[in-house]
Every structure is written in structure tokens, then in C-alpha cells.
């Protein structure tokens, strides 16, 4: 499925980050990160736009044997698990994107 092209300003993205509820991922303390759930998003359409924006302007990198698309902004790395987006208000949590992850970027080391 071809996903629509998304235009988004950095301020829209920052507003999404500010207004979302982020939860620490307790099941992976060795890889500290947080997530926000689509079901709890104040604006599901904005959540969907952020997912598409990450996928369109982000960069691909491996994590273990999987490759994800990441977007770095304001000291954080954001990514989804890559599942299809699914329809607004009628997505299937077993097969569609239900969350956005984020982790603090590691500061560069001086050598």
C-alpha cells in the first residue's frame, strides 16, 4: 500500500510530542525508551500524520535483525514498528500501527 505524502512543520511535530502521554517501556529496561499509544492520542489524525512523517523523512537503521525508520528531533529518536497504519478509528491493534516509540539520543563522545 502506498502511503500519502505528508507535509508537517517542526512546530506541529513538537506540539504532538508535547501533548502526547509518554509511558516508560517497563518490559525493556535494558533498552530504555518510552511509547505513546494511538488509542490515547488526543488527535488520532495527528498521530497518523506523525507516523507517516517519521516514515517519509526518517532514516533507516538496524536494531538487531530488524530495520526501522527513525527520526531524530530535540535530543530524542522516534520510530514505529513498521506495521501498516490502518483506517482512522477502525484500525486493528493486532495488525496496524498502535504506538510511536522514542528514546533519548546518546550525546556524542569527544575523542
PDB file of N, CA and C in Angstrom:
ATOM      1  N   UNK A   1       0.833  -1.181   0.000  1.00  0.00           N
ATOM      2  CA  UNK A   1       0.000   0.000   0.000  1.00  0.00           C
ATOM      3  C   UNK A   1       0.880   1.248   0.000  1.00  0.00           C
ATOM      4  N   UNK A   2       0.569   2.181  -0.846  1.00  0.00           N
ATOM      5  CA  UNK A   2       1.308   3.443  -0.911  1.00  0.00           C
ATOM      6  C   UNK A   2       0.686   4.417   0.087  1.00  0.00           C
ATOM      7  N   UNK A   3       1.526   4.945   0.959  1.00  0.00           N
ATOM      8  CA  UNK A   3       1.035   5.882   1.967  1.00  0.00           C
ATOM      9  C   UNK A   3       1.084   7.289   1.416  1.00  0.00           C
ATOM     10  N   UNK A   4       0.114   8.141   1.785  1.00  0.00           N
ATOM     11  CA  UNK A   4       0.092   9.508   1.257  1.00  0.00           C
ATOM     12  C   UNK A   4       1.278  10.327   1.744  1.00  0.00           C
ATOM     13  N   UNK A   5       1.703  11.264   0.912  1.00  0.00           N
ATOM     14  CA  UNK A   5       2.802  12.168   1.276  1.00  0.00           C
ATOM     15  C   UNK A   5       2.302  13.156   2.318  1.00  0.00           C
ATOM     16  N   UNK A   6       3.081  13.362   3.363  1.00  0.00           N
ATOM     17  CA  UNK A   6       2.685  14.231   4.478  1.00  0.00           C
ATOM     18  C   UNK A   6       3.602  15.446   4.546  1.00  0.00           C
ATOM     19  N   UNK A   7       2.997  16.602   4.658  1.00  0.00           N
ATOM     20  CA  UNK A   7       3.733  17.839   4.939  1.00  0.00           C
ATOM     21  C   UNK A   7       3.486  18.153   6.411  1.00  0.00           C
ATOM     22  N   UNK A   8       4.557  18.447   7.131  1.00  0.00           N
ATOM     23  CA  UNK A   8       4.420  18.746   8.552  1.00  0.00           C
ATOM     24  C   UNK A   8       5.523  19.708   8.963  1.00  0.00           C
ATOM     25  N   UNK A   9       5.157  20.705   9.747  1.00  0.00           N
ATOM     26  CA  UNK A   9       6.167  21.637  10.240  1.00  0.00           C
ATOM     27  C   UNK A   9       6.790  21.066  11.507  1.00  0.00           C
ATOM     28  N   UNK A  10       7.959  21.550  11.822  1.00  0.00           N
ATOM     29  CA  UNK A  10       8.637  21.120  13.039  1.00  0.00           C
ATOM     30  C   UNK A  10       7.805  21.495  14.261  1.00  0.00           C
ATOM     31  N   UNK A  11       7.081  22.603  14.192  1.00  0.00           N
ATOM     32  CA  UNK A  11       6.240  23.016  15.323  1.00  0.00           C
ATOM     33  C   UNK A  11       5.057  22.076  15.506  1.00  0.00           C
ATOM     34  N   UNK A  12       4.471  21.582  14.420  1.00  0.00           N
ATOM     35  CA  UNK A  12       3.392  20.591  14.540  1.00  0.00           C
ATOM     36  C   UNK A  12       3.907  19.326  15.216  1.00  0.00           C
ATOM     37  N   UNK A  13       5.092  18.902  14.811  1.00  0.00           N
ATOM     38  CA  UNK A  13       5.694  17.708  15.400  1.00  0.00           C
ATOM     39  C   UNK A  13       5.982  17.931  16.880  1.00  0.00           C
ATOM     40  N   UNK A  14       6.547  19.072  17.212  1.00  0.00           N
ATOM     41  CA  UNK A  14       6.829  19.381  18.621  1.00  0.00           C
ATOM     42  C   UNK A  14       5.543  19.456  19.436  1.00  0.00           C
ATOM     43  N   UNK A  15       4.480  19.995  18.856  1.00  0.00           N
ATOM     44  CA  UNK A  15       3.197  20.064  19.552  1.00  0.00           C
ATOM     45  C   UNK A  15       2.667  18.666  19.835  1.00  0.00           C
ATOM     46  N   UNK A  16       2.797  17.748  18.861  1.00  0.00           N
ATOM     47  CA  UNK A  16       2.383  16.369  19.084  1.00  0.00           C
ATOM     48  C   UNK A  16       3.160  15.768  20.260  1.00  0.00           C
ATOM     49  N   UNK A  17       4.464  15.963  20.262  1.00  0.00           N
ATOM     50  CA  UNK A  17       5.317  15.417  21.327  1.00  0.00           C
ATOM     51  C   UNK A  17       4.895  15.989  22.681  1.00  0.00           C
ATOM     52  N   UNK A  18       4.664  17.299  22.723  1.00  0.00           N
ATOM     53  CA  UNK A  18       4.292  17.976  23.979  1.00  0.00           C
ATOM     54  C   UNK A  18       2.950  17.501  24.527  1.00  0.00           C
ATOM     55  N   UNK A  19       1.990  17.251  23.633  1.00  0.00           N
ATOM     56  CA  UNK A  19       0.631  16.936  24.089  1.00  0.00           C
ATOM     57  C   UNK A  19       0.362  15.451  24.224  1.00  0.00           C
ATOM     58  N   UNK A  20       1.333  14.620  23.881  1.00  0.00           N
ATOM     59  CA  UNK A  20       1.150  13.164  23.988  1.00  0.00           C
ATOM     60  C   UNK A  20       1.569  12.669  25.366  1.00  0.00           C
ATOM     61  N   UNK A  21       0.948  11.578  25.795  1.00  0.00           N
ATOM     62  CA  UNK A  21       1.310  10.914  27.041  1.00  0.00           C
ATOM     63  C   UNK A  21       2.353   9.855  26.700  1.00  0.00           C
ATOM     64  N   UNK A  22       3.532   9.950  27.315  1.00  0.00           N
ATOM     65  CA  UNK A  22       4.632   9.015  27.053  1.00  0.00           C
ATOM     66  C   UNK A  22       4.798   8.103  28.263  1.00  0.00           C
ATOM     67  N   UNK A  23       4.896   6.795  28.012  1.00  0.00           N
ATOM     68  CA  UNK A  23       4.985   5.782  29.056  1.00  0.00           C
ATOM     69  C   UNK A  23       6.310   5.042  28.930  1.00  0.00           C
ATOM     70  N   UNK A  24       7.002   4.869  30.056  1.00  0.00           N
ATOM     71  CA  UNK A  24       8.254   4.116  30.040  1.00  0.00           C
ATOM     72  C   UNK A  24       7.961   2.656  29.719  1.00  0.00           C
ATOM     73  N   UNK A  25       8.735   2.062  28.817  1.00  0.00           N
ATOM     74  CA  UNK A  25       8.568   0.661  28.414  1.00  0.00           C
ATOM     75  C   UNK A  25       9.221  -0.238  29.461  1.00  0.00           C
ATOM     76  N   UNK A  26       8.443  -0.671  30.444  1.00  0.00           N
ATOM     77  CA  UNK A  26       8.967  -1.471  31.568  1.00  0.00           C
ATOM     78  C   UNK A  26       9.495  -2.830  31.138  1.00  0.00           C
ATOM     79  N   UNK A  27       9.003  -3.356  30.021  1.00  0.00           N
ATOM     80  CA  UNK A  27       9.406  -4.697  29.601  1.00  0.00           C
ATOM     81  C   UNK A  27      10.800  -4.727  28.989  1.00  0.00           C
ATOM     82  N   UNK A  28      11.382  -3.557  28.727  1.00  0.00           N
ATOM     83  CA  UNK A  28      12.715  -3.498  28.121  1.00  0.00           C
ATOM     84  C   UNK A  28      13.624  -2.519  28.859  1.00  0.00           C
ATOM     85  N   UNK A  29      13.849  -2.718  30.163  1.00  0.00           N
ATOM     86  CA  UNK A  29      14.679  -1.762  30.910  1.00  0.00           C
ATOM     87  C   UNK A  29      16.115  -1.695  30.408  1.00  0.00           C
ATOM     88  N   UNK A  30      16.582  -2.750  29.747  1.00  0.00           N
ATOM     89  CA  UNK A  30      17.942  -2.752  29.201  1.00  0.00           C
ATOM     90  C   UNK A  30      18.048  -1.863  27.960  1.00  0.00           C
ATOM     91  N   UNK A  31      16.930  -1.513  27.377  1.00  0.00           N
ATOM     92  CA  UNK A  31      16.865  -0.600  26.226  1.00  0.00           C
ATOM     93  C   UNK A  31      15.868   0.503  26.572  1.00  0.00           C
ATOM     94  N   UNK A  32      16.236   1.436  27.440  1.00  0.00           N
ATOM     95  CA  UNK A  32      15.267   2.425  27.930  1.00  0.00           C
ATOM     96  C   UNK A  32      14.643   3.239  26.797  1.00  0.00           C
ATOM     97  N   UNK A  33      13.320   3.216  26.771  1.00  0.00           N
ATOM     98  CA  UNK A  33      12.575   4.030  25.817  1.00  0.00           C
ATOM     99  C   UNK A  33      11.149   4.203  26.331  1.00  0.00           C
ATOM    100  N   UNK A  34      10.441   5.083  25.668  1.00  0.00           N
ATOM    101  CA  UNK A  34       9.053   5.377  26.006  1.00  0.00           C
ATOM    102  C   UNK A  34       8.200   5.167  24.765  1.00  0.00           C
ATOM    103  N   UNK A  35       6.886   5.114  24.974  1.00  0.00           N
ATOM    104  CA  UNK A  35       5.960   4.998  23.844  1.00  0.00           C
ATOM    105  C   UNK A  35       4.704   5.804  24.134  1.00  0.00           C
ATOM    106  N   UNK A  36       4.022   6.181  23.071  1.00  0.00           N
ATOM    107  CA  UNK A  36       2.713   6.804  23.185  1.00  0.00           C
ATOM    108  C   UNK A  36       1.746   5.980  22.347  1.00  0.00           C
ATOM    109  N   UNK A  37       0.559   5.782  22.863  1.00  0.00           N
ATOM    110  CA  UNK A  37      -0.421   4.920  22.217  1.00  0.00           C
ATOM    111  C   UNK A  37      -1.397   5.690  21.334  1.00  0.00           C
ATOM    112  N   UNK A  38      -1.672   5.126  20.197  1.00  0.00           N
ATOM    113  CA  UNK A  38      -2.657   5.686  19.274  1.00  0.00           C
ATOM    114  C   UNK A  38      -4.019   5.824  19.971  1.00  0.00           C
ATOM    115  N   UNK A  39      -4.399   4.823  20.754  1.00  0.00           N
ATOM    116  CA  UNK A  39      -5.699   4.829  21.427  1.00  0.00           C
ATOM    117  C   UNK A  39      -5.837   5.975  22.425  1.00  0.00           C
ATOM    118  N   UNK A  40      -4.702   6.505  22.909  1.00  0.00           N
ATOM    119  CA  UNK A  40      -4.751   7.597  23.885  1.00  0.00           C
ATOM    120  C   UNK A  40      -4.398   8.955  23.270  1.00  0.00           C
ATOM    121  N   UNK A  41      -4.189   8.968  21.968  1.00  0.00           N
ATOM    122  CA  UNK A  41      -3.800  10.222  21.310  1.00  0.00           C
ATOM    123  C   UNK A  41      -4.946  11.225  21.381  1.00  0.00           C
ATOM    124  N   UNK A  42      -4.640  12.475  21.747  1.00  0.00           N
ATOM    125  CA  UNK A  42      -5.688  13.496  21.774  1.00  0.00           C
ATOM    126  C   UNK A  42      -6.285  13.735  20.382  1.00  0.00           C
ATOM    127  N   UNK A  43      -5.488  13.457  19.344  1.00  0.00           N
ATOM    128  CA  UNK A  43      -5.917  13.663  17.963  1.00  0.00           C
ATOM    129  C   UNK A  43      -5.364  12.506  17.126  1.00  0.00           C
ATOM    130  N   UNK A  44      -6.217  11.520  16.814  1.00  0.00           N
ATOM    131  CA  UNK A  44      -5.745  10.330  16.097  1.00  0.00           C
ATOM    132  C   UNK A  44      -5.205  10.671  14.716  1.00  0.00           C
ATOM    133  N   UNK A  45      -5.812  11.631  14.041  1.00  0.00           N
ATOM    134  CA  UNK A  45      -5.322  12.011  12.709  1.00  0.00           C
ATOM    135  C   UNK A  45      -3.918  12.618  12.788  1.00  0.00           C
ATOM    136  N   UNK A  46      -3.647  13.398  13.830  1.00  0.00           N
ATOM    137  CA  UNK A  46      -2.302  13.937  14.012  1.00  0.00           C
ATOM    138  C   UNK A  46      -1.324  12.801  14.306  1.00  0.00           C
ATOM    139  N   UNK A  47      -1.720  11.838  15.142  1.00  0.00           N
ATOM    140  CA  UNK A  47      -0.891  10.654  15.401  1.00  0.00           C
ATOM    141  C   UNK A  47      -0.525   9.982  14.070  1.00  0.00           C
ATOM    142  N   UNK A  48      -1.514   9.770  13.215  1.00  0.00           N
ATOM    143  CA  UNK A  48      -1.285   9.126  11.919  1.00  0.00           C
ATOM    144  C   UNK A  48      -0.331   9.943  11.052  1.00  0.00           C
ATOM    145  N   UNK A  49      -0.501  11.259  11.054  1.00  0.00           N
ATOM    146  CA  UNK A  49       0.383  12.127  10.271  1.00  0.00           C
ATOM    147  C   UNK A  49       1.814  12.032  10.768  1.00  0.00           C
ATOM    148  N   UNK A  50       2.001  11.975  12.089  1.00  0.00           N
ATOM    149  CA  UNK A  50       3.350  11.856  12.653  1.00  0.00           C
ATOM    150  C   UNK A  50       3.972  10.522  12.243  1.00  0.00           C
ATOM    151  N   UNK A  51       3.210   9.443  12.298  1.00  0.00           N
ATOM    152  CA  UNK A  51       3.711   8.133  11.864  1.00  0.00           C
ATOM    153  C   UNK A  51       4.195   8.220  10.416  1.00  0.00           C
ATOM    154  N   UNK A  52       3.371   8.763   9.544  1.00  0.00           N
ATOM    155  CA  UNK A  52       3.736   8.858   8.127  1.00  0.00           C
ATOM    156  C   UNK A  52       4.938   9.773   7.927  1.00  0.00           C
ATOM    157  N   UNK A  53       4.998  10.866   8.679  1.00  0.00           N
ATOM    158  CA  UNK A  53       6.118  11.801   8.569  1.00  0.00           C
ATOM    159  C   UNK A  53       7.432  11.127   8.968  1.00  0.00           C
ATOM    160  N   UNK A  54       7.413  10.390  10.074  1.00  0.00           N
ATOM    161  CA  UNK A  54       8.610   9.651  10.503  1.00  0.00           C
ATOM    162  C   UNK A  54       9.069   8.726   9.381  1.00  0.00           C
ATOM    163  N   UNK A  55       8.141   8.012   8.796  1.00  0.00           N
ATOM    164  CA  UNK A  55       8.475   7.040   7.746  1.00  0.00           C
ATOM    165  C   UNK A  55       8.976   7.709   6.471  1.00  0.00           C
ATOM    166  N   UNK A  56       8.502   8.912   6.202  1.00  0.00           N
ATOM    167  CA  UNK A  56       8.871   9.580   4.952  1.00  0.00           C
ATOM    168  C   UNK A  56      10.182  10.345   5.036  1.00  0.00           C
ATOM    169  N   UNK A  57      10.466  10.970   6.169  1.00  0.00           N
ATOM    170  CA  UNK A  57      11.670  11.808   6.240  1.00  0.00           C
ATOM    171  C   UNK A  57      12.758  11.217   7.129  1.00  0.00           C
ATOM    172  N   UNK A  58      12.450  10.106   7.808  1.00  0.00           N
ATOM    173  CA  UNK A  58      13.409   9.488   8.705  1.00  0.00           C
ATOM    174  C   UNK A  58      14.488   8.719   7.962  1.00  0.00           C
ATOM    175  N   UNK A  59      15.364   8.097   8.726  1.00  0.00           N
ATOM    176  CA  UNK A  59      16.461   7.305   8.177  1.00  0.00           C
ATOM    177  C   UNK A  59      16.316   5.864   8.654  1.00  0.00           C
ATOM    178  N   UNK A  60      16.767   4.937   7.841  1.00  0.00           N
ATOM    179  CA  UNK A  60      16.696   3.515   8.178  1.00  0.00           C
ATOM    180  C   UNK A  60      17.951   3.096   8.940  1.00  0.00           C
ATOM    181  N   UNK A  61      17.738   2.283   9.978  1.00  0.00           N
ATOM    182  CA  UNK A  61      18.848   1.747  10.765  1.00  0.00           C
ATOM    183  C   UNK A  61      18.430   0.400  11.332  1.00  0.00           C
ATOM    184  N   UNK A  62      19.417  -0.441  11.526  1.00  0.00           N
ATOM    185  CA  UNK A  62      19.150  -1.783  12.073  1.00  0.00           C
ATOM    186  C   UNK A  62      19.098  -1.739  13.592  1.00  0.00           C
ATOM    187  N   UNK A  63      18.215  -2.572  14.126  1.00  0.00           N
ATOM    188  CA  UNK A  63      18.170  -2.856  15.554  1.00  0.00           C
ATOM    189  C   UNK A  63      18.043  -4.370  15.643  1.00  0.00           C
ATOM    190  N   UNK A  64      19.088  -5.037  16.051  1.00  0.00           N
ATOM    191  CA  UNK A  64      19.104  -6.498  15.996  1.00  0.00           C
ATOM    192  C   UNK A  64      19.014  -6.936  14.546  1.00  0.00           C
ATOM    193  N   UNK A  65      18.076  -7.799  14.245  1.00  0.00           N
ATOM    194  CA  UNK A  65      17.919  -8.269  12.870  1.00  0.00           C
ATOM    195  C   UNK A  65      16.873  -7.470  12.100  1.00  0.00           C
ATOM    196  N   UNK A  66      16.206  -6.529  12.752  1.00  0.00           N
ATOM    197  CA  UNK A  66      15.157  -5.731  12.106  1.00  0.00           C
ATOM    198  C   UNK A  66      15.698  -4.368  11.669  1.00  0.00           C
ATOM    199  N   UNK A  67      15.066  -3.790  10.668  1.00  0.00           N
ATOM    200  CA  UNK A  67      15.387  -2.437  10.222  1.00  0.00           C
ATOM    201  C   UNK A  67      14.168  -1.558  10.462  1.00  0.00           C
ATOM    202  N   UNK A  68      14.380  -0.436  11.108  1.00  0.00           N
ATOM    203  CA  UNK A  68      13.308   0.515  11.401  1.00  0.00           C
ATOM    204  C   UNK A  68      13.656   1.864  10.789  1.00  0.00           C
ATOM    205  N   UNK A  69      12.640   2.722  10.687  1.00  0.00           N
ATOM    206  CA  UNK A  69      12.851   4.086  10.223  1.00  0.00           C
ATOM    207  C   UNK A  69      12.771   5.005  11.437  1.00  0.00           C
ATOM    208  N   UNK A  70      13.818   5.784  11.641  1.00  0.00           N
ATOM    209  CA  UNK A  70      13.948   6.660  12.809  1.00  0.00           C
ATOM    210  C   UNK A  70      13.936   8.124  12.385  1.00  0.00           C
ATOM    211  N   UNK A  71      13.480   8.966  13.295  1.00  0.00           N
ATOM    212  CA  UNK A  71      13.551  10.412  13.103  1.00  0.00           C
ATOM    213  C   UNK A  71      14.094  11.013  14.389  1.00  0.00           C
ATOM    214  N   UNK A  72      15.181  11.791  14.288  1.00  0.00           N
ATOM    215  CA  UNK A  72      15.798  12.438  15.444  1.00  0.00           C
ATOM    216  C   UNK A  72      15.342  13.890  15.509  1.00  0.00           C
ATOM    217  N   UNK A  73      14.875  14.282  16.687  1.00  0.00           N
ATOM    218  CA  UNK A  73      14.482  15.673  16.891  1.00  0.00           C
ATOM    219  C   UNK A  73      14.594  16.017  18.374  1.00  0.00           C
ATOM    220  N   UNK A  74      15.189  17.157  18.650  1.00  0.00           N
ATOM    221  CA  UNK A  74      15.270  17.710  20.006  1.00  0.00           C
ATOM    222  C   UNK A  74      15.823  16.710  21.036  1.00  0.00           C
ATOM    223  N   UNK A  75      16.849  15.950  20.638  1.00  0.00           N
ATOM    224  CA  UNK A  75      17.502  15.046  21.573  1.00  0.00           C
ATOM    225  C   UNK A  75      16.831  13.690  21.749  1.00  0.00           C
ATOM    226  N   UNK A  76      15.809  13.418  20.936  1.00  0.00           N
ATOM    227  CA  UNK A  76      15.090  12.146  21.001  1.00  0.00           C
ATOM    228  C   UNK A  76      15.086  11.480  19.634  1.00  0.00           C
ATOM    229  N   UNK A  77      15.037  10.144  19.644  1.00  0.00           N
ATOM    230  CA  UNK A  77      14.907   9.332  18.436  1.00  0.00           C
ATOM    231  C   UNK A  77      13.503   8.717  18.472  1.00  0.00           C
ATOM    232  N   UNK A  78      12.723   8.899  17.381  1.00  0.00           N
ATOM    233  CA  UNK A  78      11.352   8.393  17.292  1.00  0.00           C
ATOM    234  C   UNK A  78      11.266   7.316  16.220  1.00  0.00           C
ATOM    235  N   UNK A  79      10.423   6.300  16.453  1.00  0.00           N
ATOM    236  CA  UNK A  79      10.220   5.258  15.454  1.00  0.00           C
ATOM    237  C   UNK A  79       8.922   4.512  15.727  1.00  0.00           C
ATOM    238  N   UNK A  80       8.436   3.819  14.694  1.00  0.00           N
ATOM    239  CA  UNK A  80       7.304   2.902  14.847  1.00  0.00           C
ATOM    240  C   UNK A  80       7.830   1.504  14.541  1.00  0.00           C
ATOM    241  N   UNK A  81       6.988   0.519  14.710  1.00  0.00           N
ATOM    242  CA  UNK A  81       7.400  -0.857  14.448  1.00  0.00           C
ATOM    243  C   UNK A  81       7.228  -1.230  12.977  1.00  0.00           C
ATOM    244  N   UNK A  82       6.650  -0.328  12.177  1.00  0.00           N
ATOM    245  CA  UNK A  82       6.564  -0.539  10.736  1.00  0.00           C
ATOM    246  C   UNK A  82       5.291  -1.193  10.237  1.00  0.00           C
ATOM    247  N   UNK A  83       4.353  -1.501  11.120  1.00  0.00           N
ATOM    248  CA  UNK A  83       3.088  -2.116  10.692  1.00  0.00           C
ATOM    249  C   UNK A  83       2.290  -1.119   9.850  1.00  0.00           C
ATOM    250  N   UNK A  84       1.380  -1.604   9.002  1.00  0.00           N
ATOM    251  CA  UNK A  84       0.539  -0.687   8.233  1.00  0.00           C
ATOM    252  C   UNK A  84      -0.236   0.243   9.173  1.00  0.00           C
ATOM    253  N   UNK A  85      -0.575   1.420   8.686  1.00  0.00           N
ATOM    254  CA  UNK A  85      -1.258   2.406   9.518  1.00  0.00           C
ATOM    255  C   UNK A  85      -2.681   1.979   9.852  1.00  0.00           C
ATOM    256  N   UNK A  86      -3.438   1.517   8.882  1.00  0.00           N
ATOM    257  CA  UNK A  86      -4.832   1.128   9.114  1.00  0.00           C
ATOM    258  C   UNK A  86      -5.746   2.334   9.101  1.00  0.00           C
ATOM    259  N   UNK A  87      -7.051   2.098   8.998  1.00  0.00           N
ATOM    260  CA  UNK A  87      -8.009   3.201   8.881  1.00  0.00           C
ATOM    261  C   UNK A  87      -8.244   3.943  10.197  1.00  0.00           C
ATOM    262  N   UNK A  88      -8.440   5.234  10.104  1.00  0.00           N
ATOM    263  CA  UNK A  88      -8.721   6.068  11.272  1.00  0.00           C
ATOM    264  C   UNK A  88      -9.963   5.553  11.991  1.00  0.00           C
ATOM    265  N   UNK A  89      -9.832   5.339  13.292  1.00  0.00           N
ATOM    266  CA  UNK A  89     -10.971   4.934  14.106  1.00  0.00           C
ATOM    267  C   UNK A  89     -11.376   3.478  13.956  1.00  0.00           C
ATOM    268  N   UNK A  90     -10.807   2.765  12.999  1.00  0.00           N
ATOM    269  CA  UNK A  90     -11.204   1.370  12.777  1.00  0.00           C
ATOM    270  C   UNK A  90      -9.993   0.461  12.601  1.00  0.00           C
ATOM    271  N   UNK A  91      -8.847   0.862  13.124  1.00  0.00           N
ATOM    272  CA  UNK A  91      -7.637   0.058  12.971  1.00  0.00           C
ATOM    273  C   UNK A  91      -7.721  -1.188  13.847  1.00  0.00           C
ATOM    274  N   UNK A  92      -7.004  -2.217  13.454  1.00  0.00           N
ATOM    275  CA  UNK A  92      -6.924  -3.464  14.209  1.00  0.00           C
ATOM    276  C   UNK A  92      -5.614  -3.457  14.991  1.00  0.00           C
ATOM    277  N   UNK A  93      -5.661  -3.416  16.328  1.00  0.00           N
ATOM    278  CA  UNK A  93      -4.428  -3.337  17.114  1.00  0.00           C
ATOM    279  C   UNK A  93      -3.503  -4.545  16.934  1.00  0.00           C
ATOM    280  N   UNK A  94      -4.014  -5.631  16.381  1.00  0.00           N
ATOM    281  CA  UNK A  94      -3.180  -6.812  16.145  1.00  0.00           C
ATOM    282  C   UNK A  94      -2.382  -6.723  14.852  1.00  0.00           C
ATOM    283  N   UNK A  95      -2.784  -5.835  13.935  1.00  0.00           N
ATOM    284  CA  UNK A  95      -2.097  -5.775  12.639  1.00  0.00           C
ATOM    285  C   UNK A  95      -1.687  -4.371  12.207  1.00  0.00           C
ATOM    286  N   UNK A  96      -2.186  -3.345  12.874  1.00  0.00           N
ATOM    287  CA  UNK A  96      -1.897  -1.965  12.462  1.00  0.00           C
ATOM    288  C   UNK A  96      -1.030  -1.240  13.493  1.00  0.00           C
ATOM    289  N   UNK A  97      -0.492  -0.100  13.105  1.00  0.00           N
ATOM    290  CA  UNK A  97       0.355   0.711  13.993  1.00  0.00           C
ATOM    291  C   UNK A  97      -0.463   1.218  15.170  1.00  0.00           C
ATOM    292  N   UNK A  98       0.022   0.928  16.377  1.00  0.00           N
ATOM    293  CA  UNK A  98      -0.690   1.356  17.587  1.00  0.00           C
ATOM    294  C   UNK A  98       0.152   2.254  18.488  1.00  0.00           C
ATOM    295  N   UNK A  99       1.449   2.403  18.152  1.00  0.00           N
ATOM    296  CA  UNK A  99       2.276   3.229  19.034  1.00  0.00           C
ATOM    297  C   UNK A  99       3.432   3.877  18.283  1.00  0.00           C
ATOM    298  N   UNK A 100       3.957   4.900  18.905  1.00  0.00           N
ATOM    299  CA  UNK A 100       5.189   5.547  18.467  1.00  0.00           C
ATOM    300  C   UNK A 100       6.151   5.442  19.644  1.00  0.00           C
ATOM    301  N   UNK A 101       7.358   4.990  19.368  1.00  0.00           N
ATOM    302  CA  UNK A 101       8.407   4.867  20.387  1.00  0.00           C
ATOM    303  C   UNK A 101       9.321   6.082  20.352  1.00  0.00           C
ATOM    304  N   UNK A 102       9.998   6.314  21.472  1.00  0.00           N
ATOM    305  CA  UNK A 102      11.073   7.311  21.491  1.00  0.00           C
ATOM    306  C   UNK A 102      12.107   6.915  22.524  1.00  0.00           C
ATOM    307  N   UNK A 103      13.347   7.290  22.239  1.00  0.00           N
ATOM    308  CA  UNK A 103      14.453   7.059  23.170  1.00  0.00           C
ATOM    309  C   UNK A 103      15.361   8.278  23.130  1.00  0.00           C
ATOM    310  N   UNK A 104      15.962   8.583  24.280  1.00  0.00           N
ATOM    311  CA  UNK A 104      16.922   9.688  24.348  1.00  0.00           C
ATOM    312  C   UNK A 104      18.113   9.363  23.457  1.00  0.00           C
ATOM    313  N   UNK A 105      18.528  10.334  22.686  1.00  0.00           N
ATOM    314  CA  UNK A 105      19.740  10.156  21.887  1.00  0.00           C
ATOM    315  C   UNK A 105      20.946  10.205  22.809  1.00  0.00           C
ATOM    316  N   UNK A 106      21.903   9.378  22.527  1.00  0.00           N
ATOM    317  CA  UNK A 106      23.148   9.402  23.310  1.00  0.00           C
ATOM    318  C   UNK A 106      23.977  10.603  22.861  1.00  0.00           C
ATOM    319  N   UNK A 107      24.516  11.372  23.801  1.00  0.00           N
ATOM    320  CA  UNK A 107      25.340  12.506  23.412  1.00  0.00           C
ATOM    321  C   UNK A 107      26.599  12.019  22.691  1.00  0.00           C
ATOM    322  N   UNK A 108      27.069  12.786  21.729  1.00  0.00           N
ATOM    323  CA  UNK A 108      28.288  12.377  21.025  1.00  0.00           C
ATOM    324  C   UNK A 108      29.466  12.360  21.986  1.00  0.00           C
ATOM    325  N   UNK A 109      30.366  11.419  21.764  1.00  0.00           N
ATOM    326  CA  UNK A 109      31.564  11.353  22.603  1.00  0.00           C
ATOM    327  C   UNK A 109      32.699  12.122  21.948  1.00  0.00           C
ATOM    328  N   UNK A 110      33.459  12.800  22.752  1.00  0.00           N
ATOM    329  CA  UNK A 110      34.614  13.550  22.249  1.00  0.00           C
ATOM    330  C   UNK A 110      35.833  12.660  22.339  1.00  0.00           C
ATOM    331  N   UNK A 111      36.527  12.540  21.241  1.00  0.00           N
ATOM    332  CA  UNK A 111      37.724  11.700  21.235  1.00  0.00           C
ATOM    333  C   UNK A 111      38.939  12.518  20.904  1.00  0.00           C
TER     334      UNK A 111
END
